[in-house]
């Protein structure tokens, strides 16, 4: 991603943008900024995003207004590589069937995914390596109130869920959301053809020194009487967690609620 304030005429990034963007202009119309895409300039399988405006304030406005569209472009670009990487050793179809039979949701699970816990309205799935632990928890509950889909409602639900099910080795320790060191982000999301909401941020072990990233999704069932909460989180001390979380996000993107 190459960003430039056009008022800074000595900027190296502006020189790159002028050279690369064939439709480059100092004028942008009513937005006062431009966002352009390109592919494979310096290497194969490369996405370039050029964002530039005629002042730093307009650059900030562009980032604020277009960040979700940019994120969607990046996710679409990475989807093919994630698909190959996630299912390189095959799928755990027996576990996928067990989840569908129990909760009424279809989801493609990689071969290395294992079952940690399952009950009438909950399935906890895990992938373990020597350096990382990745989890997906799918729960189903009755939908009774729009507040369940709010940011506050999702935060409260996740804290209750992890306090009950995700406990530490030390007595009395459990996972909670840490909204002090980083904010909890909230927004709409699309999983396959299903619309929903998500919160994302960081978790920590209450009473212990553990933590990591999480995303929680909320999806309404087809009859609008059931609410499916899908929570993903990673524990990988000292490791880069971006790709681990992306893998879980890709798996969850295959989820589909089956009409009863």
Protein backbone atom coordinates (compact mmCIF):
# COMPACT_ATOMS: atom_id res chain seq x y z
CA UNK A 1 0.00 0.00 0.00
CA UNK A 2 1.53 3.28 -1.16
CA UNK A 3 0.18 6.46 0.46
CA UNK A 4 1.07 10.04 -0.41
CA UNK A 5 0.17 13.64 0.32
CA UNK A 6 0.39 15.39 -3.05
CA UNK A 7 1.50 18.62 -1.40
CA UNK A 8 4.78 16.91 -0.52
CA UNK A 9 6.28 17.12 -4.01
CA UNK A 10 9.62 15.66 -2.87
CA UNK A 11 7.95 12.47 -1.58
CA UNK A 12 9.33 9.20 -2.97
CA UNK A 13 5.89 7.62 -2.69
CA UNK A 14 4.35 10.41 -4.80
CA UNK A 15 6.96 9.79 -7.50
CA UNK A 16 6.01 6.10 -7.54
CA UNK A 17 2.30 6.95 -7.80
CA UNK A 18 2.87 9.42 -10.65
CA UNK A 19 4.88 6.80 -12.51
CA UNK A 20 2.54 3.85 -11.88
CA UNK A 21 -0.98 5.30 -12.09
CA UNK A 22 -1.81 6.02 -15.72
CA UNK A 23 -4.86 8.07 -14.76
CA UNK A 24 -2.95 10.12 -12.17
CA UNK A 25 -4.21 13.66 -11.73
CA UNK A 26 -3.80 16.38 -9.15
CA UNK A 27 -7.59 16.76 -9.22
CA UNK A 28 -9.94 14.16 -7.74
CA UNK A 29 -13.39 15.64 -8.01
CA UNK A 30 -15.56 15.99 -4.93
CA UNK A 31 -13.64 13.45 -2.80
CA UNK A 32 -10.27 15.26 -2.87
CA UNK A 33 -8.53 11.88 -2.87
CA UNK A 34 -8.10 8.79 -5.06
CA UNK A 35 -7.64 5.07 -4.46
CA UNK A 36 -6.30 2.90 -7.28
CA UNK A 37 -5.43 -0.81 -7.55
CA UNK A 38 -2.76 -2.64 -9.54
CA UNK A 39 -1.48 -6.20 -9.79
CA UNK A 40 1.87 -7.94 -10.24
CA UNK A 41 4.10 -4.88 -10.78
CA UNK A 42 7.28 -6.19 -9.14
CA UNK A 43 6.37 -9.85 -8.56
CA UNK A 44 3.67 -12.43 -9.23
CA UNK A 45 0.69 -12.66 -6.90
CA UNK A 46 1.10 -9.08 -5.80
CA UNK A 47 -1.60 -6.53 -4.99
CA UNK A 48 -0.76 -2.81 -4.92
CA UNK A 49 -3.03 -0.13 -3.48
CA UNK A 50 -2.30 3.53 -4.21
CA UNK A 51 -4.00 6.09 -1.95
CA UNK A 52 -3.30 9.78 -2.43
CA UNK A 53 -4.92 13.14 -1.77
CA UNK A 54 -4.18 16.83 -2.12
CA UNK A 55 -3.56 17.28 1.62
CA UNK A 56 -2.73 15.10 4.61
CA UNK A 57 -6.24 15.72 5.97
CA UNK A 58 -7.72 14.33 2.75
CA UNK A 59 -5.42 11.31 2.99
CA UNK A 60 -6.73 10.69 6.52
CA UNK A 61 -10.29 11.07 5.24
CA UNK A 62 -9.59 8.55 2.48
CA UNK A 63 -8.31 5.99 5.00
CA UNK A 64 -11.32 6.56 7.29
CA UNK A 65 -13.87 6.30 4.47
CA UNK A 66 -12.32 3.55 2.37
CA UNK A 67 -10.61 1.25 4.88
CA UNK A 68 -13.37 -1.40 4.79
CA UNK A 69 -13.35 -1.53 0.99
CA UNK A 70 -9.56 -1.82 1.03
CA UNK A 71 -9.70 -4.63 3.61
CA UNK A 72 -12.26 -6.44 1.44
CA UNK A 73 -9.97 -6.14 -1.60
CA UNK A 74 -7.07 -7.60 0.39
CA UNK A 75 -9.20 -10.47 1.71
CA UNK A 76 -10.52 -11.28 -1.76
CA UNK A 77 -6.96 -11.24 -3.11
CA UNK A 78 -5.68 -13.57 -0.38
CA UNK A 79 -8.62 -16.00 -0.52
CA UNK A 80 -7.17 -18.32 -3.19
CA UNK A 81 -3.84 -18.71 -1.38
CA UNK A 82 -5.62 -19.23 1.95
CA UNK A 83 -7.83 -21.92 0.43
CA UNK A 84 -4.82 -23.92 -0.76
CA UNK A 85 -2.90 -23.41 2.48
CA UNK A 86 -5.80 -24.24 4.80
CA UNK A 87 -6.86 -27.49 3.14
CA UNK A 88 -3.48 -28.64 1.83
CA UNK A 89 -3.70 -31.95 3.73
CA UNK A 90 -7.42 -32.44 3.09
CA UNK A 91 -10.61 -32.02 5.10
CA UNK A 92 -11.94 -33.57 8.29
CA UNK A 93 -15.31 -34.47 6.81
CA UNK A 94 -16.35 -36.69 9.71
CA UNK A 95 -15.98 -33.79 12.14
CA UNK A 96 -17.79 -31.43 9.76
CA UNK A 97 -20.71 -33.88 9.64
CA UNK A 98 -20.76 -34.18 13.43
CA UNK A 99 -20.97 -30.40 13.79
CA UNK A 100 -23.72 -30.17 11.16
CA UNK A 101 -25.76 -32.97 12.75
CA UNK A 102 -25.45 -31.36 16.20
CA UNK A 103 -25.77 -27.63 15.51
CA UNK A 104 -27.28 -27.41 12.04
CA UNK A 105 -24.36 -25.58 10.45
CA UNK A 106 -22.22 -26.75 7.55
CA UNK A 107 -18.53 -25.82 7.76
CA UNK A 108 -15.45 -27.07 5.92
CA UNK A 109 -12.86 -28.12 8.48
CA UNK A 110 -9.22 -28.89 7.65
CA UNK A 111 -7.82 -32.33 8.31
CA UNK A 112 -5.82 -31.17 11.35
CA UNK A 113 -8.90 -29.77 13.12
CA UNK A 114 -9.90 -31.80 16.17
CA UNK A 115 -12.89 -31.82 18.51
CA UNK A 116 -12.34 -30.37 21.99
CA UNK A 117 -15.95 -30.32 23.22
CA UNK A 118 -19.43 -30.77 21.78
CA UNK A 119 -22.94 -30.58 23.21
CA UNK A 120 -26.45 -29.76 22.04
CA UNK A 121 -25.73 -26.05 21.43
CA UNK A 122 -21.91 -25.82 21.43
CA UNK A 123 -18.96 -27.16 19.45
CA UNK A 124 -15.35 -26.30 20.33
CA UNK A 125 -12.85 -27.14 17.59
CA UNK A 126 -9.08 -26.85 17.93
CA UNK A 127 -5.88 -27.03 15.88
CA UNK A 128 -2.72 -27.64 17.89
CA UNK A 129 0.92 -27.30 16.89
CA UNK A 130 4.04 -27.13 19.10
CA UNK A 131 3.97 -23.32 18.79
CA UNK A 132 0.30 -22.38 18.55
CA UNK A 133 -3.23 -23.24 19.61
CA UNK A 134 -6.13 -22.11 17.37
CA UNK A 135 -9.78 -22.46 18.36
CA UNK A 136 -13.26 -22.12 16.88
CA UNK A 137 -16.27 -22.18 19.22
CA UNK A 138 -19.71 -22.34 17.60
CA UNK A 139 -22.76 -21.82 19.79
CA UNK A 140 -26.49 -21.62 19.14
CA UNK A 141 -29.05 -19.77 21.23
CA UNK A 142 -32.54 -18.34 20.90
CA UNK A 143 -32.79 -14.91 19.27
CA UNK A 144 -35.10 -12.66 21.27
CA UNK A 145 -33.72 -9.13 21.14
CA UNK A 146 -31.83 -6.84 18.74
CA UNK A 147 -29.52 -6.00 21.66
CA UNK A 148 -27.94 -9.45 21.25
CA UNK A 149 -26.41 -8.20 17.99
CA UNK A 150 -25.01 -4.98 19.47
CA UNK A 151 -21.36 -4.44 20.34
CA UNK A 152 -22.14 -4.47 24.05
CA UNK A 153 -24.29 -7.58 23.70
CA UNK A 154 -21.57 -9.50 21.85
CA UNK A 155 -18.89 -8.46 24.34
CA UNK A 156 -21.06 -9.58 27.25
CA UNK A 157 -21.90 -12.89 25.58
CA UNK A 158 -18.28 -13.69 24.73
CA UNK A 159 -17.10 -12.96 28.24
CA UNK A 160 -19.79 -15.25 29.65
CA UNK A 161 -18.93 -17.97 27.12
CA UNK A 162 -15.19 -17.97 27.75
CA UNK A 163 -15.55 -17.64 31.52
CA UNK A 164 -17.62 -20.84 31.48
CA UNK A 165 -15.69 -22.88 28.91
CA UNK A 166 -12.16 -21.45 28.38
CA UNK A 167 -10.39 -21.70 31.70
CA UNK A 168 -6.70 -21.61 32.55
CA UNK A 169 -4.53 -24.14 34.31
CA UNK A 170 -4.48 -22.05 37.50
CA UNK A 171 -7.65 -22.33 39.61
CA UNK A 172 -10.05 -19.45 39.04
CA UNK A 173 -8.46 -18.22 35.80
CA UNK A 174 -10.49 -17.76 32.62
CA UNK A 175 -10.45 -15.84 29.33
CA UNK A 176 -11.93 -12.32 29.10
CA UNK A 177 -11.81 -9.53 26.53
CA UNK A 178 -9.09 -6.92 27.14
CA UNK A 179 -10.58 -3.62 25.95
CA UNK A 180 -8.10 -1.48 27.92
CA UNK A 181 -4.92 -1.94 25.88
CA UNK A 182 -6.64 -2.04 22.45
CA UNK A 183 -10.19 -1.11 21.41
CA UNK A 184 -12.82 -3.68 20.49
CA UNK A 185 -13.83 -3.07 16.86
CA UNK A 186 -17.45 -3.65 15.79
CA UNK A 187 -19.07 -3.80 12.37
CA UNK A 188 -21.19 -5.69 9.89
CA UNK A 189 -19.75 -8.72 8.14
CA UNK A 190 -20.68 -11.18 5.39
CA UNK A 191 -19.94 -14.88 5.83
CA UNK A 192 -20.59 -16.51 2.48
CA UNK A 193 -24.10 -15.28 1.63
CA UNK A 194 -25.02 -14.64 5.25
CA UNK A 195 -25.04 -11.18 6.80
CA UNK A 196 -23.99 -10.71 10.38
CA UNK A 197 -21.95 -8.68 12.84
CA UNK A 198 -18.49 -9.04 14.32
CA UNK A 199 -16.34 -7.78 17.15
CA UNK A 200 -12.57 -8.15 17.12
CA UNK A 201 -9.83 -7.34 19.56
CA UNK A 202 -7.56 -9.06 22.06
CA UNK A 203 -8.25 -11.50 24.89
CA UNK A 204 -6.35 -12.18 28.06
CA UNK A 205 -6.39 -14.82 30.78
CA UNK A 206 -7.86 -13.26 33.92
CA UNK A 207 -5.36 -13.95 36.67
CA UNK A 208 -2.55 -15.12 34.38
CA UNK A 209 -0.16 -13.75 31.75
CA UNK A 210 -1.71 -15.16 28.58
CA UNK A 211 -3.40 -13.41 25.65
CA UNK A 212 -3.94 -13.15 21.92
CA UNK A 213 -6.31 -11.98 19.15
CA UNK A 214 -9.96 -12.96 18.74
CA UNK A 215 -12.92 -12.39 16.41
CA UNK A 216 -16.55 -13.09 17.35
CA UNK A 217 -19.26 -13.34 14.67
CA UNK A 218 -23.04 -13.25 15.14
CA UNK A 219 -25.34 -14.71 12.46
CA UNK A 220 -29.11 -15.04 12.55
CA UNK A 221 -30.67 -18.35 11.52
CA UNK A 222 -32.94 -18.50 8.44
CA UNK A 223 -36.14 -18.32 10.52
CA UNK A 224 -34.82 -15.43 12.65
CA UNK A 225 -35.46 -17.42 15.81
CA UNK A 226 -31.91 -18.67 16.37
CA UNK A 227 -28.64 -16.81 16.82
CA UNK A 228 -25.32 -18.45 15.98
CA UNK A 229 -22.21 -17.06 17.65
CA UNK A 230 -18.89 -18.13 16.13
CA UNK A 231 -15.79 -17.25 18.14
CA UNK A 232 -12.22 -17.69 16.92
CA UNK A 233 -9.06 -17.04 18.91
CA UNK A 234 -5.36 -17.80 18.83
CA UNK A 235 -2.73 -18.44 21.50
CA UNK A 236 0.80 -18.38 20.12
CA UNK A 237 3.31 -16.72 22.46
CA UNK A 238 6.20 -15.13 20.60
CA UNK A 239 4.78 -16.04 17.16
CA UNK A 240 3.25 -13.96 14.37
CA UNK A 241 -0.50 -14.43 14.80
CA UNK A 242 -1.75 -12.79 11.60
CA UNK A 243 -1.68 -15.89 9.40
CA UNK A 244 -3.06 -18.09 12.17
CA UNK A 245 -6.07 -15.81 12.59
CA UNK A 246 -6.49 -15.50 8.81
CA UNK A 247 -6.69 -19.28 8.53
CA UNK A 248 -9.47 -19.40 11.13
CA UNK A 249 -11.28 -16.55 9.38
CA UNK A 250 -11.12 -18.45 6.09
CA UNK A 251 -12.52 -21.61 7.70
CA UNK A 252 -15.39 -19.63 9.24
CA UNK A 253 -16.12 -18.02 5.86
CA UNK A 254 -17.28 -21.48 4.67
CA UNK A 255 -19.93 -21.70 7.42
CA UNK A 256 -23.55 -21.96 6.33
CA UNK A 257 -26.59 -22.26 8.58
CA UNK A 258 -28.80 -25.13 7.36
CA UNK A 259 -32.56 -24.36 7.47
CA UNK A 260 -34.35 -26.76 9.83
